[in-house]
Amino acid sequence: MFSKIKKFFKKQEWIYTVIEDKTVAILGISGKNGQFQCIADVRENEKKIIFFSVCSINTPDNKKVLMSELLTRINHGKFLGNFEMDFNNGEIRYKTSIYFGDLDLSNDILENLIISNIATMDNSLVAIMQLIFSDISPIHAYESIEETKND
């Protein structure tokens, strides 16, 4: 399955790095609202693919509770994937995953797993950055996501 992920990245003309002795690839993404790293982790033995988009800035300690509220608001109603924050270091990432079992996943499924992940992180970056760098409330930061959807 890892070879399919790498083939998909090449088709997108994305530059990526494979972690030696692992089925993990890392790439940088420049979206409409900012830059972030992505990690594709293929666990062949477990028959799982996990794709993360990692925010480039960690949440400061004094904003972690507010950020958890914002991420909960964003997560509500999400069908595919979720935001998570490491309370130890403030790292924010969006995760999509799939258990593929004995299935030979189509390119469309892989594309949906990866592109929807990247789009969600990029669309949410404005709210995340507003919360980190200003005194905006989580609800107002969340509303900025809704406003950019309408643009």
C-alpha atoms as a PDB file:
ATOM      1  CA  MET A   1       0.000   0.000   0.000  1.00  0.00           C
ATOM      2  CA  PHE A   2       2.938   2.339   0.657  1.00  0.00           C
ATOM      3  CA  SER A   3       3.882   2.166  -3.007  1.00  0.00           C
ATOM      4  CA  LYS A   4       0.380   3.411  -3.915  1.00  0.00           C
ATOM      5  CA  ILE A   5       0.811   6.396  -1.582  1.00  0.00           C
ATOM      6  CA  LYS A   6       4.175   7.264  -3.144  1.00  0.00           C
ATOM      7  CA  LYS A   7       2.679   6.896  -6.622  1.00  0.00           C
ATOM      8  CA  PHE A   8      -0.132   9.265  -5.641  1.00  0.00           C
ATOM      9  CA  PHE A   9       2.394  11.821  -4.329  1.00  0.00           C
ATOM     10  CA  LYS A  10       4.383  11.598  -7.566  1.00  0.00           C
ATOM     11  CA  LYS A  11       1.198  12.086  -9.611  1.00  0.00           C
ATOM     12  CA  GLN A  12       0.520  15.272  -7.614  1.00  0.00           C
ATOM     13  CA  GLU A  13       4.152  16.305  -8.218  1.00  0.00           C
ATOM     14  CA  TRP A  14       4.700  16.569  -4.470  1.00  0.00           C
ATOM     15  CA  ILE A  15       8.223  16.279  -3.103  1.00  0.00           C
ATOM     16  CA  TYR A  16       8.379  13.913  -0.162  1.00  0.00           C
ATOM     17  CA  THR A  17      10.908  12.177   2.051  1.00  0.00           C
ATOM     18  CA  VAL A  18      10.643   8.552   3.106  1.00  0.00           C
ATOM     19  CA  ILE A  19      11.747   7.793   6.642  1.00  0.00           C
ATOM     20  CA  GLU A  20      14.443   5.152   6.389  1.00  0.00           C
ATOM     21  CA  ASP A  21      13.361   1.604   7.279  1.00  0.00           C
ATOM     22  CA  LYS A  22       9.733   2.708   7.674  1.00  0.00           C
ATOM     23  CA  THR A  23       6.647   3.048   5.545  1.00  0.00           C
ATOM     24  CA  VAL A  24       6.346   6.720   6.472  1.00  0.00           C
ATOM     25  CA  ALA A  25       6.580   9.674   4.096  1.00  0.00           C
ATOM     26  CA  ILE A  26       6.788  13.342   5.050  1.00  0.00           C
ATOM     27  CA  LEU A  27       5.998  16.275   2.788  1.00  0.00           C
ATOM     28  CA  GLY A  28       5.462  19.996   3.051  1.00  0.00           C
ATOM     29  CA  ILE A  29       2.277  21.626   1.811  1.00  0.00           C
ATOM     30  CA  SER A  30       1.740  25.272   0.914  1.00  0.00           C
ATOM     31  CA  GLY A  31      -1.971  25.911   1.099  1.00  0.00           C
ATOM     32  CA  LYS A  32      -4.095  28.970   0.543  1.00  0.00           C
ATOM     33  CA  ASN A  33      -3.892  29.878   4.243  1.00  0.00           C
ATOM     34  CA  GLY A  34      -0.426  28.710   5.218  1.00  0.00           C
ATOM     35  CA  GLN A  35       2.211  26.020   5.211  1.00  0.00           C
ATOM     36  CA  PHE A  36       2.243  22.777   7.152  1.00  0.00           C
ATOM     37  CA  GLN A  37       3.771  19.323   7.129  1.00  0.00           C
ATOM     38  CA  CYS A  38       1.986  16.124   6.235  1.00  0.00           C
ATOM     39  CA  ILE A  39       2.851  12.603   7.288  1.00  0.00           C
ATOM     40  CA  ALA A  40       1.638   9.438   5.588  1.00  0.00           C
ATOM     41  CA  ASP A  41       2.055   6.456   7.892  1.00  0.00           C
ATOM     42  CA  VAL A  42       1.275   3.104   6.284  1.00  0.00           C
ATOM     43  CA  ARG A  43       1.122   0.279   8.789  1.00  0.00           C
ATOM     44  CA  GLU A  44       1.150  -2.727   6.487  1.00  0.00           C
ATOM     45  CA  ASN A  45       0.986  -5.310   9.325  1.00  0.00           C
ATOM     46  CA  GLU A  46      -2.026  -3.571  10.859  1.00  0.00           C
ATOM     47  CA  LYS A  47      -3.494  -2.846   7.406  1.00  0.00           C
ATOM     48  CA  LYS A  48      -3.956   0.835   8.227  1.00  0.00           C
ATOM     49  CA  ILE A  49      -3.141   4.133   6.577  1.00  0.00           C
ATOM     50  CA  ILE A  50      -2.947   7.199   8.789  1.00  0.00           C
ATOM     51  CA  PHE A  51      -2.480  10.627   7.219  1.00  0.00           C
ATOM     52  CA  PHE A  52      -1.672  13.660   9.359  1.00  0.00           C
ATOM     53  CA  SER A  53      -1.463  17.351   8.582  1.00  0.00           C
ATOM     54  CA  VAL A  54       0.588  19.022  11.304  1.00  0.00           C
ATOM     55  CA  CYS A  55       0.181  22.706  12.097  1.00  0.00           C
ATOM     56  CA  SER A  56       3.478  24.578  11.820  1.00  0.00           C
ATOM     57  CA  ILE A  57       3.011  26.376  15.144  1.00  0.00           C
ATOM     58  CA  ASN A  58       2.314  24.728  18.480  1.00  0.00           C
ATOM     59  CA  THR A  59      -0.303  26.103  20.824  1.00  0.00           C
ATOM     60  CA  PRO A  60       1.212  28.069  23.723  1.00  0.00           C
ATOM     61  CA  ASP A  61       0.407  26.808  27.222  1.00  0.00           C
ATOM     62  CA  ASN A  62      -1.899  29.720  28.014  1.00  0.00           C
ATOM     63  CA  LYS A  63      -4.085  28.950  24.962  1.00  0.00           C
ATOM     64  CA  LYS A  64      -4.398  25.152  25.191  1.00  0.00           C
ATOM     65  CA  VAL A  65      -7.825  25.113  26.834  1.00  0.00           C
ATOM     66  CA  LEU A  66      -9.153  27.671  24.350  1.00  0.00           C
ATOM     67  CA  MET A  67      -7.623  25.709  21.469  1.00  0.00           C
ATOM     68  CA  SER A  68      -9.233  22.498  22.662  1.00  0.00           C
ATOM     69  CA  GLU A  69     -12.600  24.274  22.541  1.00  0.00           C
ATOM     70  CA  LEU A  70     -11.925  25.531  19.022  1.00  0.00           C
ATOM     71  CA  LEU A  71     -10.826  22.091  17.818  1.00  0.00           C
ATOM     72  CA  THR A  72     -13.908  20.499  19.401  1.00  0.00           C
ATOM     73  CA  ARG A  73     -16.109  22.979  17.555  1.00  0.00           C
ATOM     74  CA  ILE A  74     -14.333  22.214  14.274  1.00  0.00           C
ATOM     75  CA  ASN A  75     -14.526  18.446  14.873  1.00  0.00           C
ATOM     76  CA  HIS A  76     -18.258  18.464  15.555  1.00  0.00           C
ATOM     77  CA  GLY A  77     -20.001  16.957  12.570  1.00  0.00           C
ATOM     78  CA  LYS A  78     -16.823  15.933  10.752  1.00  0.00           C
ATOM     79  CA  PHE A  79     -17.425  12.736   8.846  1.00  0.00           C
ATOM     80  CA  LEU A  80     -13.869  11.942   7.871  1.00  0.00           C
ATOM     81  CA  GLY A  81     -11.080  12.722  10.296  1.00  0.00           C
ATOM     82  CA  ASN A  82     -10.535  14.808  13.395  1.00  0.00           C
ATOM     83  CA  PHE A  83      -8.300  17.431  14.936  1.00  0.00           C
ATOM     84  CA  GLU A  84      -6.201  16.523  17.953  1.00  0.00           C
ATOM     85  CA  MET A  85      -3.834  18.470  20.156  1.00  0.00           C
ATOM     86  CA  ASP A  86      -0.985  17.142  22.259  1.00  0.00           C
ATOM     87  CA  PHE A  87      -1.465  18.829  25.638  1.00  0.00           C
ATOM     88  CA  ASN A  88       2.220  18.289  26.461  1.00  0.00           C
ATOM     89  CA  ASN A  89       3.699  20.342  23.629  1.00  0.00           C
ATOM     90  CA  GLY A  90       0.659  22.005  21.998  1.00  0.00           C
ATOM     91  CA  GLU A  91       1.089  20.264  18.619  1.00  0.00           C
ATOM     92  CA  ILE A  92      -2.079  20.382  16.514  1.00  0.00           C
ATOM     93  CA  ARG A  93      -2.726  17.882  13.777  1.00  0.00           C
ATOM     94  CA  TYR A  94      -5.594  16.723  11.622  1.00  0.00           C
ATOM     95  CA  LYS A  95      -5.857  12.968  11.167  1.00  0.00           C
ATOM     96  CA  THR A  96      -7.627  10.864   8.578  1.00  0.00           C
ATOM     97  CA  SER A  97      -7.217   7.112   8.525  1.00  0.00           C
ATOM     98  CA  ILE A  98      -8.535   3.946   7.007  1.00  0.00           C
ATOM     99  CA  TYR A  99      -8.363   0.264   7.720  1.00  0.00           C
ATOM    100  CA  PHE A 100      -7.873  -1.375   4.344  1.00  0.00           C
ATOM    101  CA  GLY A 101      -7.832  -5.063   5.335  1.00  0.00           C
ATOM    102  CA  ASP A 102      -7.623  -7.164   2.204  1.00  0.00           C
ATOM    103  CA  LEU A 103      -8.922  -4.389  -0.046  1.00  0.00           C
ATOM    104  CA  ASP A 104      -6.863  -2.948  -2.852  1.00  0.00           C
ATOM    105  CA  LEU A 105      -7.715   0.713  -2.293  1.00  0.00           C
ATOM    106  CA  SER A 106      -8.566   2.725  -5.364  1.00  0.00           C
ATOM    107  CA  ASN A 107      -6.793   5.961  -6.186  1.00  0.00           C
ATOM    108  CA  ASP A 108     -10.102   7.775  -5.582  1.00  0.00           C
ATOM    109  CA  ILE A 109     -10.254   6.534  -1.982  1.00  0.00           C
ATOM    110  CA  LEU A 110      -6.623   7.497  -1.346  1.00  0.00           C
ATOM    111  CA  GLU A 111      -7.190  10.883  -2.922  1.00  0.00           C
ATOM    112  CA  ASN A 112     -10.247  11.499  -0.744  1.00  0.00           C
ATOM    113  CA  LEU A 113      -8.350  10.463   2.395  1.00  0.00           C
ATOM    114  CA  ILE A 114      -5.407  12.752   1.623  1.00  0.00           C
ATOM    115  CA  ILE A 115      -6.939  15.750  -0.160  1.00  0.00           C
ATOM    116  CA  SER A 116      -9.819  16.122   2.316  1.00  0.00           C
ATOM    117  CA  ASN A 117      -7.248  16.089   5.119  1.00  0.00           C
ATOM    118  CA  ILE A 118      -5.109  18.790   3.536  1.00  0.00           C
ATOM    119  CA  ALA A 119      -8.149  20.937   2.683  1.00  0.00           C
ATOM    120  CA  THR A 120      -9.485  20.703   6.235  1.00  0.00           C
ATOM    121  CA  MET A 121      -6.176  21.761   7.767  1.00  0.00           C
ATOM    122  CA  ASP A 122      -5.762  24.597   5.287  1.00  0.00           C
ATOM    123  CA  ASN A 123      -9.341  25.837   5.815  1.00  0.00           C
ATOM    124  CA  SER A 124      -8.917  25.716   9.595  1.00  0.00           C
ATOM    125  CA  LEU A 125      -5.534  27.457   9.750  1.00  0.00           C
ATOM    126  CA  VAL A 126      -7.044  30.941   9.813  1.00  0.00           C
ATOM    127  CA  ALA A 127      -9.039  30.161  12.954  1.00  0.00           C
ATOM    128  CA  ILE A 128      -6.154  28.306  14.611  1.00  0.00           C
ATOM    129  CA  MET A 129      -3.716  31.162  13.978  1.00  0.00           C
ATOM    130  CA  GLN A 130      -6.229  33.793  15.095  1.00  0.00           C
ATOM    131  CA  LEU A 131      -6.658  31.963  18.374  1.00  0.00           C
ATOM    132  CA  ILE A 132      -2.903  31.597  18.910  1.00  0.00           C
ATOM    133  CA  PHE A 133      -1.920  35.162  17.989  1.00  0.00           C
ATOM    134  CA  SER A 134      -4.859  37.282  19.171  1.00  0.00           C
ATOM    135  CA  ASP A 135      -7.401  37.549  21.953  1.00  0.00           C
ATOM    136  CA  ILE A 136     -10.251  36.211  19.819  1.00  0.00           C
ATOM    137  CA  SER A 137     -12.613  33.729  21.461  1.00  0.00           C
ATOM    138  CA  PRO A 138     -12.886  30.148  20.186  1.00  0.00           C
ATOM    139  CA  ILE A 139     -16.437  30.773  18.911  1.00  0.00           C
ATOM    140  CA  HIS A 140     -15.355  33.844  16.938  1.00  0.00           C
ATOM    141  CA  ALA A 141     -12.339  32.011  15.559  1.00  0.00           C
ATOM    142  CA  TYR A 142     -14.644  29.164  14.517  1.00  0.00           C
ATOM    143  CA  GLU A 143     -16.967  31.618  12.785  1.00  0.00           C
ATOM    144  CA  SER A 144     -14.032  32.795  10.647  1.00  0.00           C
ATOM    145  CA  ILE A 145     -13.903  29.281   9.137  1.00  0.00           C
ATOM    146  CA  GLU A 146     -17.538  29.544   8.142  1.00  0.00           C
ATOM    147  CA  GLU A 147     -16.877  32.957   6.573  1.00  0.00           C
ATOM    148  CA  THR A 148     -14.005  31.643   4.412  1.00  0.00           C
ATOM    149  CA  LYS A 149     -16.236  28.788   3.181  1.00  0.00           C
ATOM    150  CA  ASN A 150     -18.587  31.383   1.738  1.00  0.00           C
ATOM    151  CA  ASP A 151     -15.844  33.250  -0.166  1.00  0.00           C
END
